[in-house]
Amino acid sequence: MDVKPRARPELAPLARLISEAPVAMLTTEEPDRSLRSRPMRTLQMDDDGALWFLTSISSSKITALDHHRRASLSYFGRDRRRFACVCGITQLIRDEAKASELWSAALLPWLRDGPDDPDVVLLKLTIEEARYWSEPAGPATVLVELAATRERQRIRPTE
């Protein structure tokens, strides 16, 4: 996974976890209000902490994201002692240069025709909240939590 220099240093533990174990379970709310999870390979955490993926525009997750822009990502450390849950707002973006930049051979099983395929679209998740757990240290730490006004961020331990 490509980790850019971040303007949000509070996300450093999340960036390390994702770098080591980039596959997350993306959970979306389906049009019928049920929840559905599927694995997604995180390709980049950008300068602002947003997470980037490539997917197929014809995927069922796109229908879900058209109805409900919020999604959740769950990450599990390879050591099975670190976990993170990220919630945020998704955005679908068509940008051939960015898709080529993020392309990886690891995506071939899902996106067989490469980043130039018109079916390929970028999925960006802008983090609203990120929680990180590390065993045996104890309770979760909130890495990022946007205020109700979405104008400021704060960091605090979870009680």
C-alpha atoms as a PDB file:
ATOM      1  CA  MET A   1       0.000   0.000   0.000  1.00  0.00           C
ATOM      2  CA  ASP A   2       1.173   3.491  -0.829  1.00  0.00           C
ATOM      3  CA  VAL A   3       1.234   5.757   2.240  1.00  0.00           C
ATOM      4  CA  LYS A   4       1.784   9.423   1.415  1.00  0.00           C
ATOM      5  CA  PRO A   5       3.207  11.924   3.898  1.00  0.00           C
ATOM      6  CA  ARG A   6       0.173  12.711   5.975  1.00  0.00           C
ATOM      7  CA  ALA A   7      -1.245  15.978   7.185  1.00  0.00           C
ATOM      8  CA  ARG A   8      -2.909  13.862   9.899  1.00  0.00           C
ATOM      9  CA  PRO A   9      -0.200  12.265  12.059  1.00  0.00           C
ATOM     10  CA  GLU A  10      -2.844  10.816  14.384  1.00  0.00           C
ATOM     11  CA  LEU A  11      -3.517   8.240  11.654  1.00  0.00           C
ATOM     12  CA  ALA A  12       0.029   6.795  11.841  1.00  0.00           C
ATOM     13  CA  PRO A  13      -1.034   3.609  13.736  1.00  0.00           C
ATOM     14  CA  LEU A  14      -3.769   2.993  11.163  1.00  0.00           C
ATOM     15  CA  ALA A  15      -1.343   3.591   8.276  1.00  0.00           C
ATOM     16  CA  ARG A  16       1.108   1.045   9.729  1.00  0.00           C
ATOM     17  CA  LEU A  17      -1.644  -1.553  10.182  1.00  0.00           C
ATOM     18  CA  ILE A  18      -2.960  -1.057   6.645  1.00  0.00           C
ATOM     19  CA  SER A  19       0.565  -1.194   5.184  1.00  0.00           C
ATOM     20  CA  GLU A  20       1.070  -4.608   6.790  1.00  0.00           C
ATOM     21  CA  ALA A  21      -2.424  -5.958   6.057  1.00  0.00           C
ATOM     22  CA  PRO A  22      -4.021  -3.922   3.245  1.00  0.00           C
ATOM     23  CA  VAL A  23      -7.131  -6.056   2.732  1.00  0.00           C
ATOM     24  CA  ALA A  24     -10.146  -4.744   4.623  1.00  0.00           C
ATOM     25  CA  MET A  25     -13.735  -5.846   4.872  1.00  0.00           C
ATOM     26  CA  LEU A  26     -15.845  -3.066   3.348  1.00  0.00           C
ATOM     27  CA  THR A  27     -19.353  -2.983   4.806  1.00  0.00           C
ATOM     28  CA  THR A  28     -22.120  -1.131   3.005  1.00  0.00           C
ATOM     29  CA  GLU A  29     -25.820  -0.698   3.602  1.00  0.00           C
ATOM     30  CA  GLU A  30     -27.783  -2.286   0.781  1.00  0.00           C
ATOM     31  CA  PRO A  31     -30.885  -0.616  -0.718  1.00  0.00           C
ATOM     32  CA  ASP A  32     -33.041  -3.016   1.360  1.00  0.00           C
ATOM     33  CA  ARG A  33     -31.207  -1.731   4.522  1.00  0.00           C
ATOM     34  CA  SER A  34     -29.325  -5.008   5.077  1.00  0.00           C
ATOM     35  CA  LEU A  35     -25.560  -4.876   5.627  1.00  0.00           C
ATOM     36  CA  ARG A  36     -23.099  -6.550   3.276  1.00  0.00           C
ATOM     37  CA  SER A  37     -19.347  -6.977   3.630  1.00  0.00           C
ATOM     38  CA  ARG A  38     -16.754  -7.836   1.045  1.00  0.00           C
ATOM     39  CA  PRO A  39     -12.939  -7.766   0.952  1.00  0.00           C
ATOM     40  CA  MET A  40     -11.199  -4.775  -0.653  1.00  0.00           C
ATOM     41  CA  ARG A  41      -7.482  -4.129  -1.115  1.00  0.00           C
ATOM     42  CA  THR A  42      -6.465  -0.685   0.143  1.00  0.00           C
ATOM     43  CA  LEU A  43      -4.164   0.873  -2.439  1.00  0.00           C
ATOM     44  CA  GLN A  44      -3.319   4.216  -0.898  1.00  0.00           C
ATOM     45  CA  MET A  45      -3.702   6.469   2.120  1.00  0.00           C
ATOM     46  CA  ASP A  46      -3.301   9.941   0.649  1.00  0.00           C
ATOM     47  CA  ASP A  47      -1.902  13.137   2.185  1.00  0.00           C
ATOM     48  CA  ASP A  48      -5.227  13.861   3.897  1.00  0.00           C
ATOM     49  CA  GLY A  49      -5.705  10.323   5.221  1.00  0.00           C
ATOM     50  CA  ALA A  50      -8.342   9.322   2.639  1.00  0.00           C
ATOM     51  CA  LEU A  51      -8.254   5.664   1.592  1.00  0.00           C
ATOM     52  CA  TRP A  52      -8.257   4.683  -2.100  1.00  0.00           C
ATOM     53  CA  PHE A  53      -9.432   1.520  -3.864  1.00  0.00           C
ATOM     54  CA  LEU A  54     -10.108   0.368  -7.421  1.00  0.00           C
ATOM     55  CA  THR A  55     -13.311  -1.492  -8.200  1.00  0.00           C
ATOM     56  CA  SER A  56     -15.751  -2.299 -10.957  1.00  0.00           C
ATOM     57  CA  ILE A  57     -18.525   0.208 -11.661  1.00  0.00           C
ATOM     58  CA  SER A  58     -20.830  -2.748 -12.388  1.00  0.00           C
ATOM     59  CA  SER A  59     -20.256  -4.221  -8.917  1.00  0.00           C
ATOM     60  CA  SER A  60     -23.210  -4.587  -6.550  1.00  0.00           C
ATOM     61  CA  LYS A  61     -21.347  -2.473  -3.990  1.00  0.00           C
ATOM     62  CA  ILE A  62     -21.730   0.505  -6.330  1.00  0.00           C
ATOM     63  CA  THR A  63     -25.527   0.190  -6.168  1.00  0.00           C
ATOM     64  CA  ALA A  64     -25.299   0.128  -2.379  1.00  0.00           C
ATOM     65  CA  LEU A  65     -22.997   3.163  -2.335  1.00  0.00           C
ATOM     66  CA  ASP A  66     -25.340   5.040  -4.652  1.00  0.00           C
ATOM     67  CA  HIS A  67     -28.034   4.696  -1.964  1.00  0.00           C
ATOM     68  CA  HIS A  68     -25.891   5.160   1.138  1.00  0.00           C
ATOM     69  CA  ARG A  69     -22.542   6.953   0.797  1.00  0.00           C
ATOM     70  CA  ARG A  70     -21.322   5.949   4.246  1.00  0.00           C
ATOM     71  CA  ALA A  71     -19.318   2.761   4.595  1.00  0.00           C
ATOM     72  CA  SER A  72     -17.187   0.971   7.149  1.00  0.00           C
ATOM     73  CA  LEU A  73     -13.824  -0.761   6.770  1.00  0.00           C
ATOM     74  CA  SER A  74     -12.463  -3.369   9.192  1.00  0.00           C
ATOM     75  CA  TYR A  75      -8.739  -4.135   9.269  1.00  0.00           C
ATOM     76  CA  PHE A  76      -7.087  -7.033  11.098  1.00  0.00           C
ATOM     77  CA  GLY A  77      -3.354  -7.161  11.783  1.00  0.00           C
ATOM     78  CA  ARG A  78      -1.489 -10.220  10.590  1.00  0.00           C
ATOM     79  CA  ASP A  79      -0.416 -10.774  14.192  1.00  0.00           C
ATOM     80  CA  ARG A  80      -4.117 -11.048  15.169  1.00  0.00           C
ATOM     81  CA  ARG A  81      -3.489  -8.567  17.986  1.00  0.00           C
ATOM     82  CA  ARG A  82      -4.292  -5.280  16.247  1.00  0.00           C
ATOM     83  CA  PHE A  83      -7.580  -4.181  14.741  1.00  0.00           C
ATOM     84  CA  ALA A  84      -9.085  -1.041  13.278  1.00  0.00           C
ATOM     85  CA  CYS A  85     -12.511   0.092  12.192  1.00  0.00           C
ATOM     86  CA  VAL A  86     -12.819   3.060   9.859  1.00  0.00           C
ATOM     87  CA  CYS A  87     -16.077   4.809   8.981  1.00  0.00           C
ATOM     88  CA  GLY A  88     -16.477   7.443   6.345  1.00  0.00           C
ATOM     89  CA  ILE A  89     -18.028   8.905   3.246  1.00  0.00           C
ATOM     90  CA  THR A  90     -17.367   7.270  -0.108  1.00  0.00           C
ATOM     91  CA  GLN A  91     -16.941   8.910  -3.467  1.00  0.00           C
ATOM     92  CA  LEU A  92     -16.651   7.331  -6.922  1.00  0.00           C
ATOM     93  CA  ILE A  93     -14.105   8.985  -9.178  1.00  0.00           C
ATOM     94  CA  ARG A  94     -13.065   8.461 -12.789  1.00  0.00           C
ATOM     95  CA  ASP A  95      -9.418   9.423 -13.177  1.00  0.00           C
ATOM     96  CA  GLU A  96      -7.341   7.305 -15.562  1.00  0.00           C
ATOM     97  CA  ALA A  97      -4.013   8.719 -14.347  1.00  0.00           C
ATOM     98  CA  LYS A  98      -4.837   7.988 -10.689  1.00  0.00           C
ATOM     99  CA  ALA A  99      -6.147   4.514 -11.574  1.00  0.00           C
ATOM    100  CA  SER A 100      -2.881   3.732 -13.393  1.00  0.00           C
ATOM    101  CA  GLU A 101      -0.867   5.100 -10.466  1.00  0.00           C
ATOM    102  CA  LEU A 102      -2.686   2.819  -8.017  1.00  0.00           C
ATOM    103  CA  TRP A 103      -2.828  -0.245 -10.271  1.00  0.00           C
ATOM    104  CA  SER A 104      -1.289  -3.426  -8.897  1.00  0.00           C
ATOM    105  CA  ALA A 105      -1.045  -6.939 -10.352  1.00  0.00           C
ATOM    106  CA  ALA A 106      -2.749  -8.116  -7.141  1.00  0.00           C
ATOM    107  CA  LEU A 107      -5.986  -6.674  -8.592  1.00  0.00           C
ATOM    108  CA  LEU A 108      -5.973  -8.885 -11.703  1.00  0.00           C
ATOM    109  CA  PRO A 109      -8.336 -11.540 -10.267  1.00  0.00           C
ATOM    110  CA  TRP A 110     -11.047  -8.864  -9.934  1.00  0.00           C
ATOM    111  CA  LEU A 111     -10.153  -6.341 -12.618  1.00  0.00           C
ATOM    112  CA  ARG A 112      -8.838  -8.550 -15.421  1.00  0.00           C
ATOM    113  CA  ASP A 113      -8.557  -5.862 -18.092  1.00  0.00           C
ATOM    114  CA  GLY A 114      -6.388  -3.516 -16.059  1.00  0.00           C
ATOM    115  CA  PRO A 115      -6.765   0.121 -15.051  1.00  0.00           C
ATOM    116  CA  ASP A 116      -7.715   1.274 -18.581  1.00  0.00           C
ATOM    117  CA  ASP A 117     -10.919  -0.793 -18.572  1.00  0.00           C
ATOM    118  CA  PRO A 118     -13.932   1.579 -18.749  1.00  0.00           C
ATOM    119  CA  ASP A 119     -15.545  -0.561 -16.017  1.00  0.00           C
ATOM    120  CA  VAL A 120     -12.788   0.391 -13.520  1.00  0.00           C
ATOM    121  CA  VAL A 121     -13.546   3.226 -11.125  1.00  0.00           C
ATOM    122  CA  LEU A 122     -11.758   4.695  -8.121  1.00  0.00           C
ATOM    123  CA  LEU A 123     -13.428   4.419  -4.740  1.00  0.00           C
ATOM    124  CA  LYS A 124     -12.290   7.011  -2.205  1.00  0.00           C
ATOM    125  CA  LEU A 125     -13.259   6.838   1.460  1.00  0.00           C
ATOM    126  CA  THR A 126     -12.837  10.056   3.431  1.00  0.00           C
ATOM    127  CA  ILE A 127     -12.439   9.076   7.069  1.00  0.00           C
ATOM    128  CA  GLU A 128     -14.949  10.448   9.562  1.00  0.00           C
ATOM    129  CA  GLU A 129     -13.937   8.156  12.405  1.00  0.00           C
ATOM    130  CA  ALA A 130     -11.155   5.637  12.971  1.00  0.00           C
ATOM    131  CA  ARG A 131     -10.830   3.369  16.005  1.00  0.00           C
ATOM    132  CA  TYR A 132      -7.768   1.271  16.714  1.00  0.00           C
ATOM    133  CA  TRP A 133      -7.343  -1.651  19.146  1.00  0.00           C
ATOM    134  CA  SER A 134      -4.115  -3.284  20.218  1.00  0.00           C
ATOM    135  CA  GLU A 135      -4.099  -6.326  22.510  1.00  0.00           C
ATOM    136  CA  PRO A 136      -3.378  -6.715  25.339  1.00  0.00           C
ATOM    137  CA  ALA A 137      -3.228  -2.950  25.915  1.00  0.00           C
ATOM    138  CA  GLY A 138      -6.941  -2.632  26.497  1.00  0.00           C
ATOM    139  CA  PRO A 139      -9.647  -0.314  25.232  1.00  0.00           C
ATOM    140  CA  ALA A 140      -9.909   1.173  21.773  1.00  0.00           C
ATOM    141  CA  THR A 141      -8.330   4.485  20.952  1.00  0.00           C
ATOM    142  CA  VAL A 142     -10.194   6.887  18.745  1.00  0.00           C
ATOM    143  CA  LEU A 143      -7.683   8.063  16.171  1.00  0.00           C
ATOM    144  CA  VAL A 144     -10.018  10.431  14.377  1.00  0.00           C
ATOM    145  CA  GLU A 145     -13.528  11.516  15.202  1.00  0.00           C
ATOM    146  CA  LEU A 146     -15.216  14.382  13.443  1.00  0.00           C
ATOM    147  CA  ALA A 147     -17.372  16.685  15.502  1.00  0.00           C
ATOM    148  CA  ALA A 148     -21.067  16.814  14.713  1.00  0.00           C
ATOM    149  CA  THR A 149     -20.423  20.012  12.803  1.00  0.00           C
ATOM    150  CA  ARG A 150     -17.703  18.199  10.792  1.00  0.00           C
ATOM    151  CA  GLU A 151     -15.544  21.277  11.150  1.00  0.00           C
ATOM    152  CA  ARG A 152     -12.984  20.033  13.634  1.00  0.00           C
ATOM    153  CA  GLN A 153     -11.288  16.823  14.661  1.00  0.00           C
ATOM    154  CA  ARG A 154     -10.438  15.546  18.104  1.00  0.00           C
ATOM    155  CA  ILE A 155      -8.535  12.641  19.544  1.00  0.00           C
ATOM    156  CA  ARG A 156      -9.566  10.912  22.742  1.00  0.00           C
ATOM    157  CA  PRO A 157      -9.464   7.426  24.256  1.00  0.00           C
ATOM    158  CA  THR A 158     -12.664   5.415  24.153  1.00  0.00           C
ATOM    159  CA  GLU A 159     -14.187   4.880  27.555  1.00  0.00           C
END
